[in-house]
Amino acid sequence: MRFWRKKPKVQHSIRRLVLDVLKLRDPPLPEFASTLCELPNIEGVKVSLVEIDQNTESVKVTMEGENINLDSVQKMMKDHGAVIHSIDEVVVQKKNSSIRL
């Protein structure tokens, strides 16, 4: 007879996101980055311009923090005229992990 022991559920946290984003030219990049940095659990945001068009900008957005909520990020971007084209990098670690990738 085998006894199965339930494994305790390990909680994970998104620590870093790198996103390919298409945004309207307004708001400007510094304002866009500052707005994203106001989200809960975000410690830093880097926005790099990749390509510029008459009305839009393609940017690479790097966000770091503890327990980043992707849904909140998507909503904030949508509210400011931006859409995520792809998630290019994600770092997920166990909560309370001291290892930094």
PDB file of N, CA and C in Angstrom:
ATOM      1  N   MET A   1       0.831  -1.173   0.000  1.00  0.00           N
ATOM      2  CA  MET A   1       0.000   0.000   0.000  1.00  0.00           C
ATOM      3  C   MET A   1       0.886   1.251   0.000  1.00  0.00           C
ATOM      4  N   ARG A   2       0.559   2.194  -0.867  1.00  0.00           N
ATOM      5  CA  ARG A   2       1.338   3.429  -0.959  1.00  0.00           C
ATOM      6  C   ARG A   2       0.536   4.585  -0.383  1.00  0.00           C
ATOM      7  N   PHE A   3       1.207   5.396   0.337  1.00  0.00           N
ATOM      8  CA  PHE A   3       0.600   6.606   0.869  1.00  0.00           C
ATOM      9  C   PHE A   3       1.189   7.795   0.133  1.00  0.00           C
ATOM     10  N   TRP A   4       0.313   8.590  -0.429  1.00  0.00           N
ATOM     11  CA  TRP A   4       0.759   9.778  -1.141  1.00  0.00           C
ATOM     12  C   TRP A   4       0.663  10.968  -0.219  1.00  0.00           C
ATOM     13  N   ARG A   5       1.728  11.652  -0.149  1.00  0.00           N
ATOM     14  CA  ARG A   5       1.765  12.839   0.679  1.00  0.00           C
ATOM     15  C   ARG A   5       1.610  14.064  -0.221  1.00  0.00           C
ATOM     16  N   LYS A   6       0.704  14.924   0.146  1.00  0.00           N
ATOM     17  CA  LYS A   6       0.531  16.152  -0.626  1.00  0.00           C
ATOM     18  C   LYS A   6       1.761  17.023  -0.434  1.00  0.00           C
ATOM     19  N   LYS A   7       2.287  17.484  -1.558  1.00  0.00           N
ATOM     20  CA  LYS A   7       3.420  18.389  -1.490  1.00  0.00           C
ATOM     21  C   LYS A   7       2.895  19.785  -1.179  1.00  0.00           C
ATOM     22  N   PRO A   8       3.600  20.496  -0.310  1.00  0.00           N
ATOM     23  CA  PRO A   8       3.158  21.861  -0.045  1.00  0.00           C
ATOM     24  C   PRO A   8       3.304  22.705  -1.310  1.00  0.00           C
ATOM     25  N   LYS A   9       2.333  23.552  -1.550  1.00  0.00           N
ATOM     26  CA  LYS A   9       2.353  24.391  -2.743  1.00  0.00           C
ATOM     27  C   LYS A   9       3.415  25.474  -2.573  1.00  0.00           C
ATOM     28  N   VAL A  10       4.325  25.529  -3.519  1.00  0.00           N
ATOM     29  CA  VAL A  10       5.384  26.527  -3.497  1.00  0.00           C
ATOM     30  C   VAL A  10       4.884  27.774  -4.212  1.00  0.00           C
ATOM     31  N   GLN A  11       5.045  28.913  -3.592  1.00  0.00           N
ATOM     32  CA  GLN A  11       4.623  30.155  -4.212  1.00  0.00           C
ATOM     33  C   GLN A  11       5.781  30.738  -5.001  1.00  0.00           C
ATOM     34  N   HIS A  12       5.457  31.205  -6.194  1.00  0.00           N
ATOM     35  CA  HIS A  12       6.457  31.779  -7.075  1.00  0.00           C
ATOM     36  C   HIS A  12       6.167  33.254  -7.294  1.00  0.00           C
ATOM     37  N   SER A  13       7.206  33.961  -7.676  1.00  0.00           N
ATOM     38  CA  SER A  13       7.110  35.396  -7.857  1.00  0.00           C
ATOM     39  C   SER A  13       7.809  35.800  -9.149  1.00  0.00           C
ATOM     40  N   ILE A  14       7.124  36.597  -9.976  1.00  0.00           N
ATOM     41  CA  ILE A  14       7.777  37.149 -11.160  1.00  0.00           C
ATOM     42  C   ILE A  14       8.679  38.276 -10.685  1.00  0.00           C
ATOM     43  N   ARG A  15       9.974  38.149 -10.986  1.00  0.00           N
ATOM     44  CA  ARG A  15      10.960  39.134 -10.541  1.00  0.00           C
ATOM     45  C   ARG A  15      11.415  40.069 -11.652  1.00  0.00           C
ATOM     46  N   ARG A  16      11.326  39.590 -12.896  1.00  0.00           N
ATOM     47  CA  ARG A  16      11.811  40.399 -14.022  1.00  0.00           C
ATOM     48  C   ARG A  16      10.999  40.075 -15.259  1.00  0.00           C
ATOM     49  N   LEU A  17      10.617  41.121 -15.993  1.00  0.00           N
ATOM     50  CA  LEU A  17       9.917  40.979 -17.267  1.00  0.00           C
ATOM     51  C   LEU A  17      10.620  41.837 -18.306  1.00  0.00           C
ATOM     52  N   VAL A  18      10.789  41.280 -19.497  1.00  0.00           N
ATOM     53  CA  VAL A  18      11.258  42.060 -20.637  1.00  0.00           C
ATOM     54  C   VAL A  18      10.178  41.922 -21.697  1.00  0.00           C
ATOM     55  N   LEU A  19       9.594  43.051 -22.084  1.00  0.00           N
ATOM     56  CA  LEU A  19       8.438  43.064 -22.973  1.00  0.00           C
ATOM     57  C   LEU A  19       8.729  43.853 -24.242  1.00  0.00           C
ATOM     58  N   ASP A  20       8.217  43.358 -25.362  1.00  0.00           N
ATOM     59  CA  ASP A  20       8.224  44.088 -26.625  1.00  0.00           C
ATOM     60  C   ASP A  20       6.868  44.780 -26.708  1.00  0.00           C
ATOM     61  N   VAL A  21       6.882  46.101 -26.734  1.00  0.00           N
ATOM     62  CA  VAL A  21       5.649  46.879 -26.600  1.00  0.00           C
ATOM     63  C   VAL A  21       5.516  47.875 -27.755  1.00  0.00           C
ATOM     64  N   LEU A  22       4.301  48.003 -28.261  1.00  0.00           N
ATOM     65  CA  LEU A  22       3.966  49.044 -29.231  1.00  0.00           C
ATOM     66  C   LEU A  22       3.113  50.069 -28.498  1.00  0.00           C
ATOM     67  N   LYS A  23       3.569  51.319 -28.505  1.00  0.00           N
ATOM     68  CA  LYS A  23       2.841  52.370 -27.793  1.00  0.00           C
ATOM     69  C   LYS A  23       2.645  53.585 -28.686  1.00  0.00           C
ATOM     70  N   LEU A  24       1.646  54.379 -28.345  1.00  0.00           N
ATOM     71  CA  LEU A  24       1.466  55.654 -29.018  1.00  0.00           C
ATOM     72  C   LEU A  24       2.620  56.572 -28.627  1.00  0.00           C
ATOM     73  N   ARG A  25       2.889  57.583 -29.437  1.00  0.00           N
ATOM     74  CA  ARG A  25       4.013  58.483 -29.145  1.00  0.00           C
ATOM     75  C   ARG A  25       3.754  59.325 -27.905  1.00  0.00           C
ATOM     76  N   ASP A  26       2.502  59.472 -27.551  1.00  0.00           N
ATOM     77  CA  ASP A  26       2.155  60.177 -26.325  1.00  0.00           C
ATOM     78  C   ASP A  26       1.514  59.173 -25.373  1.00  0.00           C
ATOM     79  N   PRO A  27       1.982  58.965 -24.183  1.00  0.00           N
ATOM     80  CA  PRO A  27       2.913  59.781 -23.423  1.00  0.00           C
ATOM     81  C   PRO A  27       4.370  59.553 -23.843  1.00  0.00           C
ATOM     82  N   PRO A  28       5.222  60.547 -23.589  1.00  0.00           N
ATOM     83  CA  PRO A  28       6.641  60.392 -23.879  1.00  0.00           C
ATOM     84  C   PRO A  28       7.261  59.277 -23.019  1.00  0.00           C
ATOM     85  N   LEU A  29       8.410  58.782 -23.451  1.00  0.00           N
ATOM     86  CA  LEU A  29       9.046  57.652 -22.765  1.00  0.00           C
ATOM     87  C   LEU A  29       9.279  57.875 -21.267  1.00  0.00           C
ATOM     88  N   PRO A  30       9.809  59.029 -20.831  1.00  0.00           N
ATOM     89  CA  PRO A  30      10.017  59.192 -19.381  1.00  0.00           C
ATOM     90  C   PRO A  30       8.725  59.103 -18.573  1.00  0.00           C
ATOM     91  N   GLU A  31       7.662  59.698 -19.101  1.00  0.00           N
ATOM     92  CA  GLU A  31       6.363  59.642 -18.409  1.00  0.00           C
ATOM     93  C   GLU A  31       5.812  58.220 -18.406  1.00  0.00           C
ATOM     94  N   PHE A  32       5.945  57.513 -19.517  1.00  0.00           N
ATOM     95  CA  PHE A  32       5.485  56.128 -19.630  1.00  0.00           C
ATOM     96  C   PHE A  32       6.219  55.237 -18.617  1.00  0.00           C
ATOM     97  N   ALA A  33       7.543  55.389 -18.545  1.00  0.00           N
ATOM     98  CA  ALA A  33       8.338  54.597 -17.601  1.00  0.00           C
ATOM     99  C   ALA A  33       7.966  54.921 -16.155  1.00  0.00           C
ATOM    100  N   SER A  34       7.783  56.198 -15.852  1.00  0.00           N
ATOM    101  CA  SER A  34       7.419  56.607 -14.489  1.00  0.00           C
ATOM    102  C   SER A  34       6.062  56.048 -14.084  1.00  0.00           C
ATOM    103  N   THR A  35       5.132  56.053 -15.025  1.00  0.00           N
ATOM    104  CA  THR A  35       3.795  55.507 -14.752  1.00  0.00           C
ATOM    105  C   THR A  35       3.882  54.017 -14.437  1.00  0.00           C
ATOM    106  N   LEU A  36       4.664  53.275 -15.223  1.00  0.00           N
ATOM    107  CA  LEU A  36       4.827  51.838 -14.969  1.00  0.00           C
ATOM    108  C   LEU A  36       5.494  51.596 -13.618  1.00  0.00           C
ATOM    109  N   CYS A  37       6.423  52.456 -13.250  1.00  0.00           N
ATOM    110  CA  CYS A  37       7.150  52.292 -11.989  1.00  0.00           C
ATOM    111  C   CYS A  37       6.252  52.523 -10.770  1.00  0.00           C
ATOM    112  N   GLU A  38       5.107  53.165 -10.981  1.00  0.00           N
ATOM    113  CA  GLU A  38       4.163  53.399  -9.888  1.00  0.00           C
ATOM    114  C   GLU A  38       3.353  52.145  -9.531  1.00  0.00           C
ATOM    115  N   LEU A  39       3.396  51.117 -10.393  1.00  0.00           N
ATOM    116  CA  LEU A  39       2.659  49.883 -10.100  1.00  0.00           C
ATOM    117  C   LEU A  39       3.194  49.234  -8.831  1.00  0.00           C
ATOM    118  N   PRO A  40       2.329  48.554  -8.072  1.00  0.00           N
ATOM    119  CA  PRO A  40       2.785  47.875  -6.863  1.00  0.00           C
ATOM    120  C   PRO A  40       3.874  46.841  -7.181  1.00  0.00           C
ATOM    121  N   ASN A  41       4.845  46.734  -6.307  1.00  0.00           N
ATOM    122  CA  ASN A  41       5.918  45.739  -6.352  1.00  0.00           C
ATOM    123  C   ASN A  41       6.954  45.985  -7.443  1.00  0.00           C
ATOM    124  N   ILE A  42       6.848  47.080  -8.188  1.00  0.00           N
ATOM    125  CA  ILE A  42       7.835  47.393  -9.222  1.00  0.00           C
ATOM    126  C   ILE A  42       8.928  48.252  -8.595  1.00  0.00           C
ATOM    127  N   GLU A  43      10.169  47.773  -8.700  1.00  0.00           N
ATOM    128  CA  GLU A  43      11.301  48.509  -8.131  1.00  0.00           C
ATOM    129  C   GLU A  43      12.035  49.335  -9.176  1.00  0.00           C
ATOM    130  N   GLY A  44      11.949  48.938 -10.431  1.00  0.00           N
ATOM    131  CA  GLY A  44      12.638  49.686 -11.477  1.00  0.00           C
ATOM    132  C   GLY A  44      12.090  49.368 -12.853  1.00  0.00           C
ATOM    133  N   VAL A  45      12.146  50.353 -13.744  1.00  0.00           N
ATOM    134  CA  VAL A  45      11.663  50.202 -15.115  1.00  0.00           C
ATOM    135  C   VAL A  45      12.682  50.829 -16.057  1.00  0.00           C
ATOM    136  N   LYS A  46      12.993  50.108 -17.132  1.00  0.00           N
ATOM    137  CA  LYS A  46      13.861  50.636 -18.186  1.00  0.00           C
ATOM    138  C   LYS A  46      13.081  50.534 -19.494  1.00  0.00           C
ATOM    139  N   VAL A  47      12.998  51.635 -20.231  1.00  0.00           N
ATOM    140  CA  VAL A  47      12.312  51.652 -21.521  1.00  0.00           C
ATOM    141  C   VAL A  47      13.317  52.090 -22.578  1.00  0.00           C
ATOM    142  N   SER A  48      13.520  51.231 -23.586  1.00  0.00           N
ATOM    143  CA  SER A  48      14.460  51.526 -24.676  1.00  0.00           C
ATOM    144  C   SER A  48      13.696  51.622 -25.986  1.00  0.00           C
ATOM    145  N   LEU A  49      13.937  52.690 -26.725  1.00  0.00           N
ATOM    146  CA  LEU A  49      13.301  52.885 -28.018  1.00  0.00           C
ATOM    147  C   LEU A  49      13.951  51.969 -29.050  1.00  0.00           C
ATOM    148  N   VAL A  50      13.123  51.203 -29.753  1.00  0.00           N
ATOM    149  CA  VAL A  50      13.610  50.282 -30.778  1.00  0.00           C
ATOM    150  C   VAL A  50      13.347  50.852 -32.165  1.00  0.00           C
ATOM    151  N   GLU A  51      12.131  51.377 -32.361  1.00  0.00           N
ATOM    152  CA  GLU A  51      11.746  51.917 -33.664  1.00  0.00           C
ATOM    153  C   GLU A  51      10.683  52.987 -33.444  1.00  0.00           C
ATOM    154  N   ILE A  52      10.711  53.992 -34.317  1.00  0.00           N
ATOM    155  CA  ILE A  52       9.745  55.075 -34.197  1.00  0.00           C
ATOM    156  C   ILE A  52       9.039  55.257 -35.542  1.00  0.00           C
ATOM    157  N   ASP A  53       7.736  55.493 -35.465  1.00  0.00           N
ATOM    158  CA  ASP A  53       6.914  55.722 -36.650  1.00  0.00           C
ATOM    159  C   ASP A  53       6.223  57.069 -36.454  1.00  0.00           C
ATOM    160  N   GLN A  54       5.398  57.452 -37.394  1.00  0.00           N
ATOM    161  CA  GLN A  54       4.731  58.751 -37.297  1.00  0.00           C
ATOM    162  C   GLN A  54       3.868  58.855 -36.042  1.00  0.00           C
ATOM    163  N   ASN A  55       3.141  57.773 -35.700  1.00  0.00           N
ATOM    164  CA  ASN A  55       2.212  57.824 -34.567  1.00  0.00           C
ATOM    165  C   ASN A  55       2.556  56.876 -33.432  1.00  0.00           C
ATOM    166  N   THR A  56       3.468  55.950 -33.655  1.00  0.00           N
ATOM    167  CA  THR A  56       3.750  54.918 -32.649  1.00  0.00           C
ATOM    168  C   THR A  56       5.248  54.756 -32.416  1.00  0.00           C
ATOM    169  N   GLU A  57       5.548  54.081 -31.317  1.00  0.00           N
ATOM    170  CA  GLU A  57       6.920  53.728 -30.965  1.00  0.00           C
ATOM    171  C   GLU A  57       6.953  52.257 -30.568  1.00  0.00           C
ATOM    172  N   SER A  58       7.947  51.543 -31.060  1.00  0.00           N
ATOM    173  CA  SER A  58       8.214  50.183 -30.588  1.00  0.00           C
ATOM    174  C   SER A  58       9.285  50.308 -29.520  1.00  0.00           C
ATOM    175  N   VAL A  59       8.995  49.774 -28.341  1.00  0.00           N
ATOM    176  CA  VAL A  59       9.934  49.906 -27.226  1.00  0.00           C
ATOM    177  C   VAL A  59      10.157  48.557 -26.560  1.00  0.00           C
ATOM    178  N   LYS A  60      11.295  48.430 -25.923  1.00  0.00           N
ATOM    179  CA  LYS A  60      11.621  47.273 -25.098  1.00  0.00           C
ATOM    180  C   LYS A  60      11.499  47.739 -23.648  1.00  0.00           C
ATOM    181  N   VAL A  61      10.624  47.101 -22.881  1.00  0.00           N
ATOM    182  CA  VAL A  61      10.374  47.490 -21.491  1.00  0.00           C
ATOM    183  C   VAL A  61      10.917  46.399 -20.580  1.00  0.00           C
ATOM    184  N   THR A  62      11.816  46.790 -19.689  1.00  0.00           N
ATOM    185  CA  THR A  62      12.364  45.871 -18.688  1.00  0.00           C
ATOM    186  C   THR A  62      11.862  46.332 -17.332  1.00  0.00           C
ATOM    187  N   MET A  63      11.233  45.399 -16.604  1.00  0.00           N
ATOM    188  CA  MET A  63      10.693  45.717 -15.279  1.00  0.00           C
ATOM    189  C   MET A  63      11.265  44.734 -14.266  1.00  0.00           C
ATOM    190  N   GLU A  64      11.667  45.249 -13.120  1.00  0.00           N
ATOM    191  CA  GLU A  64      12.163  44.398 -12.049  1.00  0.00           C
ATOM    192  C   GLU A  64      11.431  44.736 -10.766  1.00  0.00           C
ATOM    193  N   GLY A  65      11.238  43.717  -9.944  1.00  0.00           N
ATOM    194  CA  GLY A  65      10.561  43.905  -8.672  1.00  0.00           C
ATOM    195  C   GLY A  65      10.276  42.576  -8.012  1.00  0.00           C
ATOM    196  N   GLU A  66       9.393  42.605  -7.066  1.00  0.00           N
ATOM    197  CA  GLU A  66       8.985  41.412  -6.331  1.00  0.00           C
ATOM    198  C   GLU A  66       7.517  41.139  -6.629  1.00  0.00           C
ATOM    199  N   ASN A  67       7.221  39.947  -7.106  1.00  0.00           N
ATOM    200  CA  ASN A  67       5.842  39.547  -7.325  1.00  0.00           C
ATOM    201  C   ASN A  67       5.122  40.476  -8.311  1.00  0.00           C
ATOM    202  N   ILE A  68       5.705  40.671  -9.483  1.00  0.00           N
ATOM    203  CA  ILE A  68       5.118  41.531 -10.512  1.00  0.00           C
ATOM    204  C   ILE A  68       3.832  40.895 -11.028  1.00  0.00           C
ATOM    205  N   ASN A  69       2.787  41.686 -11.101  1.00  0.00           N
ATOM    206  CA  ASN A  69       1.498  41.206 -11.575  1.00  0.00           C
ATOM    207  C   ASN A  69       1.346  41.572 -13.054  1.00  0.00           C
ATOM    208  N   LEU A  70       1.443  40.572 -13.927  1.00  0.00           N
ATOM    209  CA  LEU A  70       1.393  40.804 -15.369  1.00  0.00           C
ATOM    210  C   LEU A  70       0.059  41.417 -15.793  1.00  0.00           C
ATOM    211  N   ASP A  71      -1.038  41.013 -15.174  1.00  0.00           N
ATOM    212  CA  ASP A  71      -2.346  41.584 -15.513  1.00  0.00           C
ATOM    213  C   ASP A  71      -2.387  43.092 -15.234  1.00  0.00           C
ATOM    214  N   SER A  72      -1.805  43.507 -14.116  1.00  0.00           N
ATOM    215  CA  SER A  72      -1.754  44.935 -13.784  1.00  0.00           C
ATOM    216  C   SER A  72      -0.903  45.703 -14.786  1.00  0.00           C
ATOM    217  N   VAL A  73       0.205  45.082 -15.204  1.00  0.00           N
ATOM    218  CA  VAL A  73       1.081  45.710 -16.197  1.00  0.00           C
ATOM    219  C   VAL A  73       0.330  45.895 -17.516  1.00  0.00           C
ATOM    220  N   GLN A  74      -0.365  44.842 -17.964  1.00  0.00           N
ATOM    221  CA  GLN A  74      -1.118  44.918 -19.220  1.00  0.00           C
ATOM    222  C   GLN A  74      -2.198  45.989 -19.154  1.00  0.00           C
ATOM    223  N   LYS A  75      -2.908  46.049 -18.038  1.00  0.00           N
ATOM    224  CA  LYS A  75      -3.979  47.038 -17.890  1.00  0.00           C
ATOM    225  C   LYS A  75      -3.422  48.454 -17.902  1.00  0.00           C
ATOM    226  N   MET A  76      -2.340  48.673 -17.177  1.00  0.00           N
ATOM    227  CA  MET A  76      -1.737  50.010 -17.130  1.00  0.00           C
ATOM    228  C   MET A  76      -1.275  50.430 -18.526  1.00  0.00           C
ATOM    229  N   MET A  77      -0.669  49.493 -19.259  1.00  0.00           N
ATOM    230  CA  MET A  77      -0.213  49.816 -20.608  1.00  0.00           C
ATOM    231  C   MET A  77      -1.391  50.139 -21.522  1.00  0.00           C
ATOM    232  N   LYS A  78      -2.429  49.341 -21.444  1.00  0.00           N
ATOM    233  CA  LYS A  78      -3.617  49.583 -22.275  1.00  0.00           C
ATOM    234  C   LYS A  78      -4.213  50.956 -21.980  1.00  0.00           C
ATOM    235  N   ASP A  79      -4.263  51.311 -20.704  1.00  0.00           N
ATOM    236  CA  ASP A  79      -4.810  52.608 -20.300  1.00  0.00           C
ATOM    237  C   ASP A  79      -3.966  53.777 -20.822  1.00  0.00           C
ATOM    238  N   HIS A  80      -2.710  53.503 -21.188  1.00  0.00           N
ATOM    239  CA  HIS A  80      -1.811  54.555 -21.677  1.00  0.00           C
ATOM    240  C   HIS A  80      -1.435  54.351 -23.143  1.00  0.00           C
ATOM    241  N   GLY A  81      -2.304  53.671 -23.890  1.00  0.00           N
ATOM    242  CA  GLY A  81      -2.135  53.560 -25.333  1.00  0.00           C
ATOM    243  C   GLY A  81      -1.029  52.626 -25.785  1.00  0.00           C
ATOM    244  N   ALA A  82      -0.808  51.550 -25.029  1.00  0.00           N
ATOM    245  CA  ALA A  82       0.256  50.604 -25.390  1.00  0.00           C
ATOM    246  C   ALA A  82      -0.275  49.181 -25.361  1.00  0.00           C
ATOM    247  N   VAL A  83       0.366  48.315 -26.140  1.00  0.00           N
ATOM    248  CA  VAL A  83      -0.020  46.911 -26.170  1.00  0.00           C
ATOM    249  C   VAL A  83       1.254  46.061 -26.173  1.00  0.00           C
ATOM    250  N   ILE A  84       1.217  44.955 -25.442  1.00  0.00           N
ATOM    251  CA  ILE A  84       2.355  44.046 -25.379  1.00  0.00           C
ATOM    252  C   ILE A  84       2.328  43.150 -26.609  1.00  0.00           C
ATOM    253  N   HIS A  85       3.402  43.200 -27.408  1.00  0.00           N
ATOM    254  CA  HIS A  85       3.532  42.312 -28.565  1.00  0.00           C
ATOM    255  C   HIS A  85       4.033  40.942 -28.142  1.00  0.00           C
ATOM    256  N   SER A  86       5.012  40.924 -27.233  1.00  0.00           N
ATOM    257  CA  SER A  86       5.551  39.640 -26.780  1.00  0.00           C
ATOM    258  C   SER A  86       6.240  39.802 -25.437  1.00  0.00           C
ATOM    259  N   ILE A  87       6.325  38.683 -24.735  1.00  0.00           N
ATOM    260  CA  ILE A  87       7.125  38.603 -23.518  1.00  0.00           C
ATOM    261  C   ILE A  87       8.442  37.965 -23.935  1.00  0.00           C
ATOM    262  N   ASP A  88       9.513  38.756 -23.924  1.00  0.00           N
ATOM    263  CA  ASP A  88      10.799  38.286 -24.421  1.00  0.00           C
ATOM    264  C   ASP A  88      11.649  37.620 -23.354  1.00  0.00           C
ATOM    265  N   GLU A  89      11.399  37.940 -22.100  1.00  0.00           N
ATOM    266  CA  GLU A  89      12.149  37.322 -21.002  1.00  0.00           C
ATOM    267  C   GLU A  89      11.307  37.406 -19.741  1.00  0.00           C
ATOM    268  N   VAL A  90      11.370  36.365 -18.943  1.00  0.00           N
ATOM    269  CA  VAL A  90      10.701  36.377 -17.641  1.00  0.00           C
ATOM    270  C   VAL A  90      11.579  35.622 -16.647  1.00  0.00           C
ATOM    271  N   VAL A  91      11.709  36.179 -15.458  1.00  0.00           N
ATOM    272  CA  VAL A  91      12.428  35.510 -14.380  1.00  0.00           C
ATOM    273  C   VAL A  91      11.411  35.270 -13.275  1.00  0.00           C
ATOM    274  N   VAL A  92      11.247  34.004 -12.911  1.00  0.00           N
ATOM    275  CA  VAL A  92      10.335  33.618 -11.847  1.00  0.00           C
ATOM    276  C   VAL A  92      11.144  32.879 -10.796  1.00  0.00           C
ATOM    277  N   GLN A  93      10.972  33.274  -9.546  1.00  0.00           N
ATOM    278  CA  GLN A  93      11.689  32.610  -8.460  1.00  0.00           C
ATOM    279  C   GLN A  93      10.733  32.318  -7.328  1.00  0.00           C
ATOM    280  N   LYS A  94      11.154  31.406  -6.479  1.00  0.00           N
ATOM    281  CA  LYS A  94      10.376  31.126  -5.284  1.00  0.00           C
ATOM    282  C   LYS A  94      10.372  32.388  -4.434  1.00  0.00           C
ATOM    283  N   LYS A  95       9.226  32.637  -3.796  1.00  0.00           N
ATOM    284  CA  LYS A  95       9.139  33.788  -2.920  1.00  0.00           C
ATOM    285  C   LYS A  95      10.151  33.635  -1.800  1.00  0.00           C
ATOM    286  N   ASN A  96      10.721  34.740  -1.405  1.00  0.00           N
ATOM    287  CA  ASN A  96      11.731  34.809  -0.330  1.00  0.00           C
ATOM    288  C   ASN A  96      13.059  34.176  -0.726  1.00  0.00           C
ATOM    289  N   SER A  97      13.274  33.914  -2.010  1.00  0.00           N
ATOM    290  CA  SER A  97      14.549  33.390  -2.468  1.00  0.00           C
ATOM    291  C   SER A  97      15.593  34.498  -2.436  1.00  0.00           C
ATOM    292  N   SER A  98      16.798  34.166  -2.012  1.00  0.00           N
ATOM    293  CA  SER A  98      17.868  35.173  -1.976  1.00  0.00           C
ATOM    294  C   SER A  98      18.680  35.176  -3.264  1.00  0.00           C
ATOM    295  N   ILE A  99      18.444  34.231  -4.150  1.00  0.00           N
ATOM    296  CA  ILE A  99      19.183  34.143  -5.401  1.00  0.00           C
ATOM    297  C   ILE A  99      18.635  35.173  -6.380  1.00  0.00           C
ATOM    298  N   ARG A 100      19.526  35.918  -7.018  1.00  0.00           N
ATOM    299  CA  ARG A 100      19.127  36.890  -8.032  1.00  0.00           C
ATOM    300  C   ARG A 100      19.658  36.422  -9.385  1.00  0.00           C
ATOM    301  N   LEU A 101      18.771  36.217 -10.334  1.00  0.00           N
ATOM    302  CA  LEU A 101      19.171  35.778 -11.668  1.00  0.00           C
ATOM    303  C   LEU A 101      19.436  36.954 -12.575  1.00  0.00           C
TER     304      LEU A 101
END
